[in-house]
Each structure stands twice: as structure tokens, then as C-alpha cells.
Amino acid sequence: RRVKQMSATAVSLMKTQKLEDANQAEKILKKALEIEPNSPNLLNNLAGVYQIQGRMEKVYQLLLETSEKFPNYAFSRISLARLKIDEGKIEEGEELLKPLTTRKRFHIME
């Protein structure tokens, strides 16, 4: 329950797209990860914080790690594909999305 509250607070801060809020969200997410270190949702949100902060190398690294460690977690895969497509690397983006096209079930948030 505590981790969910922390995550919700961090996401609210991230929505402002302000650097100072992103910095606060980063601290909250890192504390939440101390409690639940294997949460793909927390890791994906942390990647989002890094993106707001302009730390793109960390974004890619974290999204790749999360996608590999949690291959069924769609959000990291989709985020990584979006970054690749934005860079004009359409084929790489498509490859990342391909496994999702054969899935029969998705979580309602996906």
C-alpha cells in the first residue's frame, strides 16, 4: 500500500514536467524501489523521470534492463520503441513491439 501511494505521488509530480518536481519524484521512486526492487512499474516511472531530467542515456539503459528482466511488461517495451521511432529507427521500434502483437491478453492499463 505504501509503495502504491509513493508511486502515485511520483507520477503526479512527473505530470508537471518541471525539473524540480522530477527531482522530487526521483527520490520518492528510489525509496519505493528500496521496498520493492523488482517492480517494473517503478522502474519504468523512474525512466520517465530521467527523461524529464534529460538524462537520455539513463533512460535507454533502464528501459532496456526493464524490458529484458520483465519481457511481459509492455510499458517499458512501448516506451523504448517510442524513443527509437522518434529517432527515426522505425525498424528497431517495430521489433520491440512485435512480441506484443501476438499477445492474447493485456492488463487494462496496457
PDB file of N, CA and C in Angstrom:
ATOM      1  N   ARG A   1       0.828  -1.196   0.000  1.00  0.00           N
ATOM      2  CA  ARG A   1       0.000   0.000   0.000  1.00  0.00           C
ATOM      3  C   ARG A   1       0.874   1.263   0.000  1.00  0.00           C
ATOM      4  N   ARG A   2       1.897   1.250   0.832  1.00  0.00           N
ATOM      5  CA  ARG A   2       2.787   2.420   0.910  1.00  0.00           C
ATOM      6  C   ARG A   2       3.468   2.691  -0.427  1.00  0.00           C
ATOM      7  N   VAL A   3       3.917   1.640  -1.087  1.00  0.00           N
ATOM      8  CA  VAL A   3       4.592   1.796  -2.374  1.00  0.00           C
ATOM      9  C   VAL A   3       3.626   2.356  -3.413  1.00  0.00           C
ATOM     10  N   LYS A   4       2.383   1.910  -3.398  1.00  0.00           N
ATOM     11  CA  LYS A   4       1.392   2.450  -4.340  1.00  0.00           C
ATOM     12  C   LYS A   4       1.186   3.941  -4.120  1.00  0.00           C
ATOM     13  N   GLN A   5       1.131   4.346  -2.876  1.00  0.00           N
ATOM     14  CA  GLN A   5       0.970   5.773  -2.564  1.00  0.00           C
ATOM     15  C   GLN A   5       2.185   6.569  -3.027  1.00  0.00           C
ATOM     16  N   MET A   6       3.356   6.008  -2.788  1.00  0.00           N
ATOM     17  CA  MET A   6       4.584   6.680  -3.219  1.00  0.00           C
ATOM     18  C   MET A   6       4.616   6.814  -4.731  1.00  0.00           C
ATOM     19  N   SER A   7       4.246   5.746  -5.422  1.00  0.00           N
ATOM     20  CA  SER A   7       4.227   5.756  -6.880  1.00  0.00           C
ATOM     21  C   SER A   7       3.238   6.793  -7.404  1.00  0.00           C
ATOM     22  N   ALA A   8       2.061   6.852  -6.810  1.00  0.00           N
ATOM     23  CA  ALA A   8       1.050   7.818  -7.242  1.00  0.00           C
ATOM     24  C   ALA A   8       1.537   9.248  -7.047  1.00  0.00           C
ATOM     25  N   THR A   9       2.208   9.497  -5.938  1.00  0.00           N
ATOM     26  CA  THR A   9       2.764  10.829  -5.685  1.00  0.00           C
ATOM     27  C   THR A   9       3.817  11.182  -6.723  1.00  0.00           C
ATOM     28  N   ALA A  10       4.687  10.230  -7.014  1.00  0.00           N
ATOM     29  CA  ALA A  10       5.742  10.464  -8.009  1.00  0.00           C
ATOM     30  C   ALA A  10       5.151  10.735  -9.386  1.00  0.00           C
ATOM     31  N   VAL A  11       4.151   9.967  -9.774  1.00  0.00           N
ATOM     32  CA  VAL A  11       3.518  10.162 -11.087  1.00  0.00           C
ATOM     33  C   VAL A  11       2.869  11.539 -11.162  1.00  0.00           C
ATOM     34  N   SER A  12       2.217  11.969 -10.093  1.00  0.00           N
ATOM     35  CA  SER A  12       1.613  13.306 -10.063  1.00  0.00           C
ATOM     36  C   SER A  12       2.673  14.385 -10.254  1.00  0.00           C
ATOM     37  N   LEU A  13       3.801  14.212  -9.595  1.00  0.00           N
ATOM     38  CA  LEU A  13       4.899  15.165  -9.756  1.00  0.00           C
ATOM     39  C   LEU A  13       5.441  15.158 -11.185  1.00  0.00           C
ATOM     40  N   MET A  14       5.532  13.977 -11.771  1.00  0.00           N
ATOM     41  CA  MET A  14       6.059  13.857 -13.135  1.00  0.00           C
ATOM     42  C   MET A  14       5.161  14.566 -14.145  1.00  0.00           C
ATOM     43  N   LYS A  15       3.875  14.557 -13.901  1.00  0.00           N
ATOM     44  CA  LYS A  15       2.927  15.153 -14.847  1.00  0.00           C
ATOM     45  C   LYS A  15       3.148  16.648 -15.034  1.00  0.00           C
ATOM     46  N   THR A  16       3.761  17.318 -14.074  1.00  0.00           N
ATOM     47  CA  THR A  16       4.014  18.755 -14.211  1.00  0.00           C
ATOM     48  C   THR A  16       5.112  19.030 -15.240  1.00  0.00           C
ATOM     49  N   GLN A  17       5.960  18.025 -15.487  1.00  0.00           N
ATOM     50  CA  GLN A  17       7.094  18.147 -16.412  1.00  0.00           C
ATOM     51  C   GLN A  17       8.114  19.197 -15.949  1.00  0.00           C
ATOM     52  N   LYS A  18       8.074  19.560 -14.679  1.00  0.00           N
ATOM     53  CA  LYS A  18       9.030  20.519 -14.124  1.00  0.00           C
ATOM     54  C   LYS A  18      10.211  19.764 -13.540  1.00  0.00           C
ATOM     55  N   LEU A  19      11.389  20.312 -13.740  1.00  0.00           N
ATOM     56  CA  LEU A  19      12.618  19.654 -13.285  1.00  0.00           C
ATOM     57  C   LEU A  19      12.632  19.455 -11.770  1.00  0.00           C
ATOM     58  N   GLU A  20      12.222  20.466 -11.023  1.00  0.00           N
ATOM     59  CA  GLU A  20      12.254  20.321  -9.553  1.00  0.00           C
ATOM     60  C   GLU A  20      11.283  19.235  -9.087  1.00  0.00           C
ATOM     61  N   ASP A  21      10.143  19.110  -9.762  1.00  0.00           N
ATOM     62  CA  ASP A  21       9.202  18.042  -9.415  1.00  0.00           C
ATOM     63  C   ASP A  21       9.746  16.677  -9.819  1.00  0.00           C
ATOM     64  N   ALA A  22      10.429  16.629 -10.960  1.00  0.00           N
ATOM     65  CA  ALA A  22      11.038  15.370 -11.404  1.00  0.00           C
ATOM     66  C   ALA A  22      12.118  14.924 -10.419  1.00  0.00           C
ATOM     67  N   ASN A  23      12.866  15.877  -9.904  1.00  0.00           N
ATOM     68  CA  ASN A  23      13.905  15.544  -8.920  1.00  0.00           C
ATOM     69  C   ASN A  23      13.290  14.960  -7.650  1.00  0.00           C
ATOM     70  N   GLN A  24      12.171  15.529  -7.232  1.00  0.00           N
ATOM     71  CA  GLN A  24      11.478  15.013  -6.052  1.00  0.00           C
ATOM     72  C   GLN A  24      10.896  13.631  -6.342  1.00  0.00           C
ATOM     73  N   ALA A  25      10.330  13.462  -7.536  1.00  0.00           N
ATOM     74  CA  ALA A  25       9.776  12.165  -7.938  1.00  0.00           C
ATOM     75  C   ALA A  25      10.863  11.096  -7.961  1.00  0.00           C
ATOM     76  N   GLU A  26      12.055  11.462  -8.411  1.00  0.00           N
ATOM     77  CA  GLU A  26      13.169  10.515  -8.437  1.00  0.00           C
ATOM     78  C   GLU A  26      13.479  10.004  -7.028  1.00  0.00           C
ATOM     79  N   LYS A  27      13.529  10.900  -6.064  1.00  0.00           N
ATOM     80  CA  LYS A  27      13.808  10.500  -4.685  1.00  0.00           C
ATOM     81  C   LYS A  27      12.734   9.549  -4.162  1.00  0.00           C
ATOM     82  N   ILE A  28      11.491   9.866  -4.453  1.00  0.00           N
ATOM     83  CA  ILE A  28      10.380   9.031  -3.988  1.00  0.00           C
ATOM     84  C   ILE A  28      10.449   7.647  -4.623  1.00  0.00           C
ATOM     85  N   LEU A  29      10.690   7.607  -5.942  1.00  0.00           N
ATOM     86  CA  LEU A  29      10.744   6.325  -6.644  1.00  0.00           C
ATOM     87  C   LEU A  29      11.912   5.474  -6.162  1.00  0.00           C
ATOM     88  N   LYS A  30      13.033   6.096  -5.897  1.00  0.00           N
ATOM     89  CA  LYS A  30      14.181   5.331  -5.405  1.00  0.00           C
ATOM     90  C   LYS A  30      13.908   4.756  -4.023  1.00  0.00           C
ATOM     91  N   LYS A  31      13.194   5.501  -3.185  1.00  0.00           N
ATOM     92  CA  LYS A  31      12.808   4.969  -1.872  1.00  0.00           C
ATOM     93  C   LYS A  31      11.821   3.815  -2.037  1.00  0.00           C
ATOM     94  N   ALA A  32      10.891   3.969  -2.963  1.00  0.00           N
ATOM     95  CA  ALA A  32       9.925   2.895  -3.224  1.00  0.00           C
ATOM     96  C   ALA A  32      10.637   1.651  -3.753  1.00  0.00           C
ATOM     97  N   LEU A  33      11.670   1.845  -4.572  1.00  0.00           N
ATOM     98  CA  LEU A  33      12.426   0.708  -5.100  1.00  0.00           C
ATOM     99  C   LEU A  33      13.235   0.000  -4.018  1.00  0.00           C
ATOM    100  N   GLU A  34      13.551   0.686  -2.954  1.00  0.00           N
ATOM    101  CA  GLU A  34      14.210   0.024  -1.824  1.00  0.00           C
ATOM    102  C   GLU A  34      13.252  -0.983  -1.181  1.00  0.00           C
ATOM    103  N   ILE A  35      11.971  -0.666  -1.225  1.00  0.00           N
ATOM    104  CA  ILE A  35      10.954  -1.550  -0.652  1.00  0.00           C
ATOM    105  C   ILE A  35      10.588  -2.654  -1.642  1.00  0.00           C
ATOM    106  N   GLU A  36      10.402  -2.282  -2.903  1.00  0.00           N
ATOM    107  CA  GLU A  36      10.044  -3.234  -3.965  1.00  0.00           C
ATOM    108  C   GLU A  36      11.029  -3.105  -5.119  1.00  0.00           C
ATOM    109  N   PRO A  37      12.219  -3.699  -4.991  1.00  0.00           N
ATOM    110  CA  PRO A  37      13.253  -3.515  -6.017  1.00  0.00           C
ATOM    111  C   PRO A  37      12.939  -4.154  -7.367  1.00  0.00           C
ATOM    112  N   ASN A  38      12.006  -5.077  -7.407  1.00  0.00           N
ATOM    113  CA  ASN A  38      11.682  -5.754  -8.663  1.00  0.00           C
ATOM    114  C   ASN A  38      10.329  -5.334  -9.212  1.00  0.00           C
ATOM    115  N   SER A  39      10.023  -4.061  -9.100  1.00  0.00           N
ATOM    116  CA  SER A  39       8.770  -3.535  -9.619  1.00  0.00           C
ATOM    117  C   SER A  39       9.008  -2.897 -10.986  1.00  0.00           C
ATOM    118  N   PRO A  40       8.531  -3.531 -12.057  1.00  0.00           N
ATOM    119  CA  PRO A  40       8.733  -2.936 -13.375  1.00  0.00           C
ATOM    120  C   PRO A  40       8.036  -1.582 -13.504  1.00  0.00           C
ATOM    121  N   ASN A  41       6.940  -1.409 -12.815  1.00  0.00           N
ATOM    122  CA  ASN A  41       6.221  -0.137 -12.864  1.00  0.00           C
ATOM    123  C   ASN A  41       7.069   0.993 -12.283  1.00  0.00           C
ATOM    124  N   LEU A  42       7.671   0.746 -11.132  1.00  0.00           N
ATOM    125  CA  LEU A  42       8.533   1.754 -10.520  1.00  0.00           C
ATOM    126  C   LEU A  42       9.745   2.052 -11.405  1.00  0.00           C
ATOM    127  N   LEU A  43      10.327   1.023 -11.976  1.00  0.00           N
ATOM    128  CA  LEU A  43      11.485   1.210 -12.850  1.00  0.00           C
ATOM    129  C   LEU A  43      11.111   1.994 -14.103  1.00  0.00           C
ATOM    130  N   ASN A  44       9.956   1.693 -14.659  1.00  0.00           N
ATOM    131  CA  ASN A  44       9.502   2.413 -15.845  1.00  0.00           C
ATOM    132  C   ASN A  44       9.248   3.886 -15.518  1.00  0.00           C
ATOM    133  N   ASN A  45       8.643   4.143 -14.376  1.00  0.00           N
ATOM    134  CA  ASN A  45       8.407   5.532 -13.974  1.00  0.00           C
ATOM    135  C   ASN A  45       9.710   6.267 -13.703  1.00  0.00           C
ATOM    136  N   LEU A  46      10.690   5.557 -13.143  1.00  0.00           N
ATOM    137  CA  LEU A  46      11.997   6.172 -12.923  1.00  0.00           C
ATOM    138  C   LEU A  46      12.634   6.553 -14.267  1.00  0.00           C
ATOM    139  N   ALA A  47      12.462   5.716 -15.262  1.00  0.00           N
ATOM    140  CA  ALA A  47      12.947   6.058 -16.605  1.00  0.00           C
ATOM    141  C   ALA A  47      12.258   7.325 -17.107  1.00  0.00           C
ATOM    142  N   GLY A  48      10.977   7.462 -16.805  1.00  0.00           N
ATOM    143  CA  GLY A  48      10.247   8.669 -17.188  1.00  0.00           C
ATOM    144  C   GLY A  48      10.799   9.909 -16.499  1.00  0.00           C
ATOM    145  N   VAL A  49      11.182   9.769 -15.250  1.00  0.00           N
ATOM    146  CA  VAL A  49      11.813  10.874 -14.522  1.00  0.00           C
ATOM    147  C   VAL A  49      13.121  11.256 -15.200  1.00  0.00           C
ATOM    148  N   TYR A  50      13.923  10.256 -15.525  1.00  0.00           N
ATOM    149  CA  TYR A  50      15.198  10.527 -16.194  1.00  0.00           C
ATOM    150  C   TYR A  50      14.976  11.253 -17.519  1.00  0.00           C
ATOM    151  N   GLN A  51      13.910  10.909 -18.210  1.00  0.00           N
ATOM    152  CA  GLN A  51      13.615  11.572 -19.484  1.00  0.00           C
ATOM    153  C   GLN A  51      13.281  13.049 -19.249  1.00  0.00           C
ATOM    154  N   ILE A  52      12.482  13.335 -18.247  1.00  0.00           N
ATOM    155  CA  ILE A  52      12.161  14.725 -17.922  1.00  0.00           C
ATOM    156  C   ILE A  52      13.440  15.493 -17.568  1.00  0.00           C
ATOM    157  N   GLN A  53      14.359  14.819 -16.879  1.00  0.00           N
ATOM    158  CA  GLN A  53      15.624  15.435 -16.477  1.00  0.00           C
ATOM    159  C   GLN A  53      16.615  15.542 -17.644  1.00  0.00           C
ATOM    160  N   GLY A  54      16.283  14.937 -18.778  1.00  0.00           N
ATOM    161  CA  GLY A  54      17.173  14.983 -19.932  1.00  0.00           C
ATOM    162  C   GLY A  54      18.329  14.004 -19.861  1.00  0.00           C
ATOM    163  N   ARG A  55      18.216  13.003 -19.023  1.00  0.00           N
ATOM    164  CA  ARG A  55      19.272  12.004 -18.842  1.00  0.00           C
ATOM    165  C   ARG A  55      18.990  10.789 -19.736  1.00  0.00           C
ATOM    166  N   MET A  56      19.088  11.003 -21.035  1.00  0.00           N
ATOM    167  CA  MET A  56      18.634  10.011 -22.006  1.00  0.00           C
ATOM    168  C   MET A  56      19.431   8.707 -21.962  1.00  0.00           C
ATOM    169  N   GLU A  57      20.710   8.771 -21.650  1.00  0.00           N
ATOM    170  CA  GLU A  57      21.486   7.535 -21.555  1.00  0.00           C
ATOM    171  C   GLU A  57      20.922   6.636 -20.449  1.00  0.00           C
ATOM    172  N   LYS A  58      20.557   7.253 -19.321  1.00  0.00           N
ATOM    173  CA  LYS A  58      19.954   6.504 -18.219  1.00  0.00           C
ATOM    174  C   LYS A  58      18.574   5.975 -18.614  1.00  0.00           C
ATOM    175  N   VAL A  59      17.838   6.754 -19.390  1.00  0.00           N
ATOM    176  CA  VAL A  59      16.510   6.323 -19.859  1.00  0.00           C
ATOM    177  C   VAL A  59      16.647   5.030 -20.649  1.00  0.00           C
ATOM    178  N   TYR A  60      17.514   5.054 -21.660  1.00  0.00           N
ATOM    179  CA  TYR A  60      17.706   3.871 -22.501  1.00  0.00           C
ATOM    180  C   TYR A  60      18.177   2.678 -21.683  1.00  0.00           C
ATOM    181  N   GLN A  61      19.148   2.906 -20.827  1.00  0.00           N
ATOM    182  CA  GLN A  61      19.709   1.822 -20.021  1.00  0.00           C
ATOM    183  C   GLN A  61      18.629   1.180 -19.158  1.00  0.00           C
ATOM    184  N   LEU A  62      17.849   1.987 -18.475  1.00  0.00           N
ATOM    185  CA  LEU A  62      16.833   1.461 -17.578  1.00  0.00           C
ATOM    186  C   LEU A  62      15.699   0.775 -18.334  1.00  0.00           C
ATOM    187  N   LEU A  63      15.287   1.359 -19.451  1.00  0.00           N
ATOM    188  CA  LEU A  63      14.219   0.729 -20.242  1.00  0.00           C
ATOM    189  C   LEU A  63      14.675  -0.601 -20.834  1.00  0.00           C
ATOM    190  N   LEU A  64      15.917  -0.660 -21.291  1.00  0.00           N
ATOM    191  CA  LEU A  64      16.452  -1.924 -21.818  1.00  0.00           C
ATOM    192  C   LEU A  64      16.505  -2.990 -20.725  1.00  0.00           C
ATOM    193  N   GLU A  65      17.029  -2.611 -19.567  1.00  0.00           N
ATOM    194  CA  GLU A  65      17.126  -3.560 -18.451  1.00  0.00           C
ATOM    195  C   GLU A  65      15.740  -4.050 -18.026  1.00  0.00           C
ATOM    196  N   THR A  66      14.801  -3.123 -17.942  1.00  0.00           N
ATOM    197  CA  THR A  66      13.450  -3.485 -17.514  1.00  0.00           C
ATOM    198  C   THR A  66      12.776  -4.377 -18.544  1.00  0.00           C
ATOM    199  N   SER A  67      12.957  -4.052 -19.822  1.00  0.00           N
ATOM    200  CA  SER A  67      12.363  -4.867 -20.888  1.00  0.00           C
ATOM    201  C   SER A  67      12.932  -6.278 -20.901  1.00  0.00           C
ATOM    202  N   GLU A  68      14.226  -6.401 -20.635  1.00  0.00           N
ATOM    203  CA  GLU A  68      14.853  -7.716 -20.615  1.00  0.00           C
ATOM    204  C   GLU A  68      14.464  -8.514 -19.369  1.00  0.00           C
ATOM    205  N   LYS A  69      14.423  -7.835 -18.237  1.00  0.00           N
ATOM    206  CA  LYS A  69      14.120  -8.513 -16.981  1.00  0.00           C
ATOM    207  C   LYS A  69      12.633  -8.878 -16.862  1.00  0.00           C
ATOM    208  N   PHE A  70      11.780  -8.050 -17.453  1.00  0.00           N
ATOM    209  CA  PHE A  70      10.331  -8.253 -17.397  1.00  0.00           C
ATOM    210  C   PHE A  70       9.756  -8.209 -18.815  1.00  0.00           C
ATOM    211  N   PRO A  71       9.994  -9.243 -19.609  1.00  0.00           N
ATOM    212  CA  PRO A  71       9.595  -9.206 -21.027  1.00  0.00           C
ATOM    213  C   PRO A  71       8.082  -9.084 -21.242  1.00  0.00           C
ATOM    214  N   ASN A  72       7.288  -9.439 -20.268  1.00  0.00           N
ATOM    215  CA  ASN A  72       5.838  -9.319 -20.418  1.00  0.00           C
ATOM    216  C   ASN A  72       5.295  -7.969 -19.951  1.00  0.00           C
ATOM    217  N   TYR A  73       6.153  -7.115 -19.453  1.00  0.00           N
ATOM    218  CA  TYR A  73       5.737  -5.781 -19.023  1.00  0.00           C
ATOM    219  C   TYR A  73       5.777  -4.862 -20.241  1.00  0.00           C
ATOM    220  N   ALA A  74       4.617  -4.524 -20.743  1.00  0.00           N
ATOM    221  CA  ALA A  74       4.506  -3.825 -22.024  1.00  0.00           C
ATOM    222  C   ALA A  74       4.991  -2.377 -21.977  1.00  0.00           C
ATOM    223  N   PHE A  75       4.796  -1.701 -20.871  1.00  0.00           N
ATOM    224  CA  PHE A  75       5.066  -0.266 -20.848  1.00  0.00           C
ATOM    225  C   PHE A  75       6.522   0.092 -21.142  1.00  0.00           C
ATOM    226  N   SER A  76       7.467  -0.638 -20.585  1.00  0.00           N
ATOM    227  CA  SER A  76       8.877  -0.347 -20.862  1.00  0.00           C
ATOM    228  C   SER A  76       9.205  -0.608 -22.322  1.00  0.00           C
ATOM    229  N   ARG A  77       8.675  -1.679 -22.841  1.00  0.00           N
ATOM    230  CA  ARG A  77       8.897  -2.032 -24.244  1.00  0.00           C
ATOM    231  C   ARG A  77       8.313  -0.945 -25.157  1.00  0.00           C
ATOM    232  N   ILE A  78       7.117  -0.485 -24.834  1.00  0.00           N
ATOM    233  CA  ILE A  78       6.463   0.558 -25.634  1.00  0.00           C
ATOM    234  C   ILE A  78       7.232   1.877 -25.534  1.00  0.00           C
ATOM    235  N   SER A  79       7.672   2.223 -24.332  1.00  0.00           N
ATOM    236  CA  SER A  79       8.440   3.457 -24.149  1.00  0.00           C
ATOM    237  C   SER A  79       9.741   3.419 -24.938  1.00  0.00           C
ATOM    238  N   LEU A  80      10.424   2.308 -24.892  1.00  0.00           N
ATOM    239  CA  LEU A  80      11.668   2.158 -25.632  1.00  0.00           C
ATOM    240  C   LEU A  80      11.411   2.222 -27.136  1.00  0.00           C
ATOM    241  N   ALA A  81      10.361   1.567 -27.593  1.00  0.00           N
ATOM    242  CA  ALA A  81      10.009   1.609 -29.018  1.00  0.00           C
ATOM    243  C   ALA A  81       9.692   3.037 -29.453  1.00  0.00           C
ATOM    244  N   ARG A  82       8.976   3.762 -28.625  1.00  0.00           N
ATOM    245  CA  ARG A  82       8.633   5.160 -28.952  1.00  0.00           C
ATOM    246  C   ARG A  82       9.888   6.000 -29.112  1.00  0.00           C
ATOM    247  N   LEU A  83      10.859   5.812 -28.241  1.00  0.00           N
ATOM    248  CA  LEU A  83      12.115   6.554 -28.349  1.00  0.00           C
ATOM    249  C   LEU A  83      12.838   6.210 -29.647  1.00  0.00           C
ATOM    250  N   LYS A  84      12.880   4.927 -29.972  1.00  0.00           N
ATOM    251  CA  LYS A  84      13.542   4.501 -31.214  1.00  0.00           C
ATOM    252  C   LYS A  84      12.844   5.108 -32.434  1.00  0.00           C
ATOM    253  N   ILE A  85      11.529   5.068 -32.443  1.00  0.00           N
ATOM    254  CA  ILE A  85      10.762   5.607 -33.568  1.00  0.00           C
ATOM    255  C   ILE A  85      10.972   7.113 -33.684  1.00  0.00           C
ATOM    256  N   ASP A  86      10.986   7.805 -32.552  1.00  0.00           N
ATOM    257  CA  ASP A  86      11.238   9.251 -32.564  1.00  0.00           C
ATOM    258  C   ASP A  86      12.600   9.583 -33.151  1.00  0.00           C
ATOM    259  N   GLU A  87      13.559   8.666 -33.007  1.00  0.00           N
ATOM    260  CA  GLU A  87      14.905   8.854 -33.569  1.00  0.00           C
ATOM    261  C   GLU A  87      14.965   8.471 -35.045  1.00  0.00           C
ATOM    262  N   GLY A  88      13.842   7.992 -35.579  1.00  0.00           N
ATOM    263  CA  GLY A  88      13.815   7.559 -36.970  1.00  0.00           C
ATOM    264  C   GLY A  88      14.234   6.116 -37.155  1.00  0.00           C
ATOM    265  N   LYS A  89      14.405   5.386 -36.071  1.00  0.00           N
ATOM    266  CA  LYS A  89      14.792   3.972 -36.124  1.00  0.00           C
ATOM    267  C   LYS A  89      13.521   3.126 -36.097  1.00  0.00           C
ATOM    268  N   ILE A  90      12.776   3.243 -37.174  1.00  0.00           N
ATOM    269  CA  ILE A  90      11.454   2.619 -37.269  1.00  0.00           C
ATOM    270  C   ILE A  90      11.532   1.103 -37.122  1.00  0.00           C
ATOM    271  N   GLU A  91      12.464   0.474 -37.820  1.00  0.00           N
ATOM    272  CA  GLU A  91      12.570  -0.984 -37.769  1.00  0.00           C
ATOM    273  C   GLU A  91      12.875  -1.480 -36.360  1.00  0.00           C
ATOM    274  N   GLU A  92      13.765  -0.775 -35.660  1.00  0.00           N
ATOM    275  CA  GLU A  92      14.093  -1.171 -34.289  1.00  0.00           C
ATOM    276  C   GLU A  92      12.867  -1.036 -33.390  1.00  0.00           C
ATOM    277  N   GLY A  93      12.120   0.034 -33.587  1.00  0.00           N
ATOM    278  CA  GLY A  93      10.895   0.229 -32.819  1.00  0.00           C
ATOM    279  C   GLY A  93       9.881  -0.866 -33.086  1.00  0.00           C
ATOM    280  N   GLU A  94       9.744  -1.225 -34.358  1.00  0.00           N
ATOM    281  CA  GLU A  94       8.806  -2.292 -34.721  1.00  0.00           C
ATOM    282  C   GLU A  94       9.211  -3.622 -34.102  1.00  0.00           C
ATOM    283  N   GLU A  95      10.504  -3.915 -34.091  1.00  0.00           N
ATOM    284  CA  GLU A  95      10.988  -5.166 -33.500  1.00  0.00           C
ATOM    285  C   GLU A  95      10.657  -5.243 -32.012  1.00  0.00           C
ATOM    286  N   LEU A  96      10.763  -4.115 -31.347  1.00  0.00           N
ATOM    287  CA  LEU A  96      10.437  -4.093 -29.924  1.00  0.00           C
ATOM    288  C   LEU A  96       8.947  -4.331 -29.684  1.00  0.00           C
ATOM    289  N   LEU A  97       8.122  -3.868 -30.590  1.00  0.00           N
ATOM    290  CA  LEU A  97       6.670  -4.003 -30.435  1.00  0.00           C
ATOM    291  C   LEU A  97       6.127  -5.341 -30.922  1.00  0.00           C
ATOM    292  N   LYS A  98       6.882  -5.995 -31.788  1.00  0.00           N
ATOM    293  CA  LYS A  98       6.408  -7.242 -32.399  1.00  0.00           C
ATOM    294  C   LYS A  98       5.888  -8.283 -31.404  1.00  0.00           C
ATOM    295  N   PRO A  99       6.599  -8.566 -30.305  1.00  0.00           N
ATOM    296  CA  PRO A  99       6.084  -9.573 -29.366  1.00  0.00           C
ATOM    297  C   PRO A  99       4.713  -9.211 -28.783  1.00  0.00           C
ATOM    298  N   LEU A 100       4.415  -7.937 -28.730  1.00  0.00           N
ATOM    299  CA  LEU A 100       3.133  -7.511 -28.169  1.00  0.00           C
ATOM    300  C   LEU A 100       1.968  -7.792 -29.114  1.00  0.00           C
ATOM    301  N   THR A 101       2.264  -7.894 -30.401  1.00  0.00           N
ATOM    302  CA  THR A 101       1.186  -8.097 -31.375  1.00  0.00           C
ATOM    303  C   THR A 101       0.595  -9.497 -31.313  1.00  0.00           C
ATOM    304  N   THR A 102       1.306 -10.414 -30.685  1.00  0.00           N
ATOM    305  CA  THR A 102       0.804 -11.789 -30.603  1.00  0.00           C
ATOM    306  C   THR A 102       0.194 -12.113 -29.238  1.00  0.00           C
ATOM    307  N   ARG A 103       0.247 -11.165 -28.331  1.00  0.00           N
ATOM    308  CA  ARG A 103      -0.323 -11.401 -27.006  1.00  0.00           C
ATOM    309  C   ARG A 103      -1.835 -11.479 -27.091  1.00  0.00           C
ATOM    310  N   LYS A 104      -2.382 -12.397 -26.356  1.00  0.00           N
ATOM    311  CA  LYS A 104      -3.830 -12.579 -26.337  1.00  0.00           C
ATOM    312  C   LYS A 104      -4.491 -11.754 -25.239  1.00  0.00           C
ATOM    313  N   ARG A 105      -3.738 -11.465 -24.177  1.00  0.00           N
ATOM    314  CA  ARG A 105      -4.312 -10.753 -23.039  1.00  0.00           C
ATOM    315  C   ARG A 105      -3.398  -9.590 -22.634  1.00  0.00           C
ATOM    316  N   PHE A 106      -4.031  -8.528 -22.239  1.00  0.00           N
ATOM    317  CA  PHE A 106      -3.323  -7.366 -21.739  1.00  0.00           C
ATOM    318  C   PHE A 106      -3.963  -6.926 -20.433  1.00  0.00           C
ATOM    319  N   HIS A 107      -3.162  -6.303 -19.602  1.00  0.00           N
ATOM    320  CA  HIS A 107      -3.706  -5.665 -18.411  1.00  0.00           C
ATOM    321  C   HIS A 107      -4.507  -4.454 -18.881  1.00  0.00           C
ATOM    322  N   ILE A 108      -5.528  -4.077 -18.157  1.00  0.00           N
ATOM    323  CA  ILE A 108      -6.408  -2.989 -18.569  1.00  0.00           C
ATOM    324  C   ILE A 108      -5.635  -1.695 -18.793  1.00  0.00           C
ATOM    325  N   MET A 109      -4.578  -1.449 -18.034  1.00  0.00           N
ATOM    326  CA  MET A 109      -3.767  -0.242 -18.210  1.00  0.00           C
ATOM    327  C   MET A 109      -2.943  -0.283 -19.487  1.00  0.00           C
ATOM    328  N   GLU A 110      -2.638  -1.499 -19.964  1.00  0.00           N
ATOM    329  CA  GLU A 110      -1.860  -1.616 -21.193  1.00  0.00           C
ATOM    330  C   GLU A 110      -2.739  -1.348 -22.403  1.00  0.00           C
TER     331      GLU A 110
END
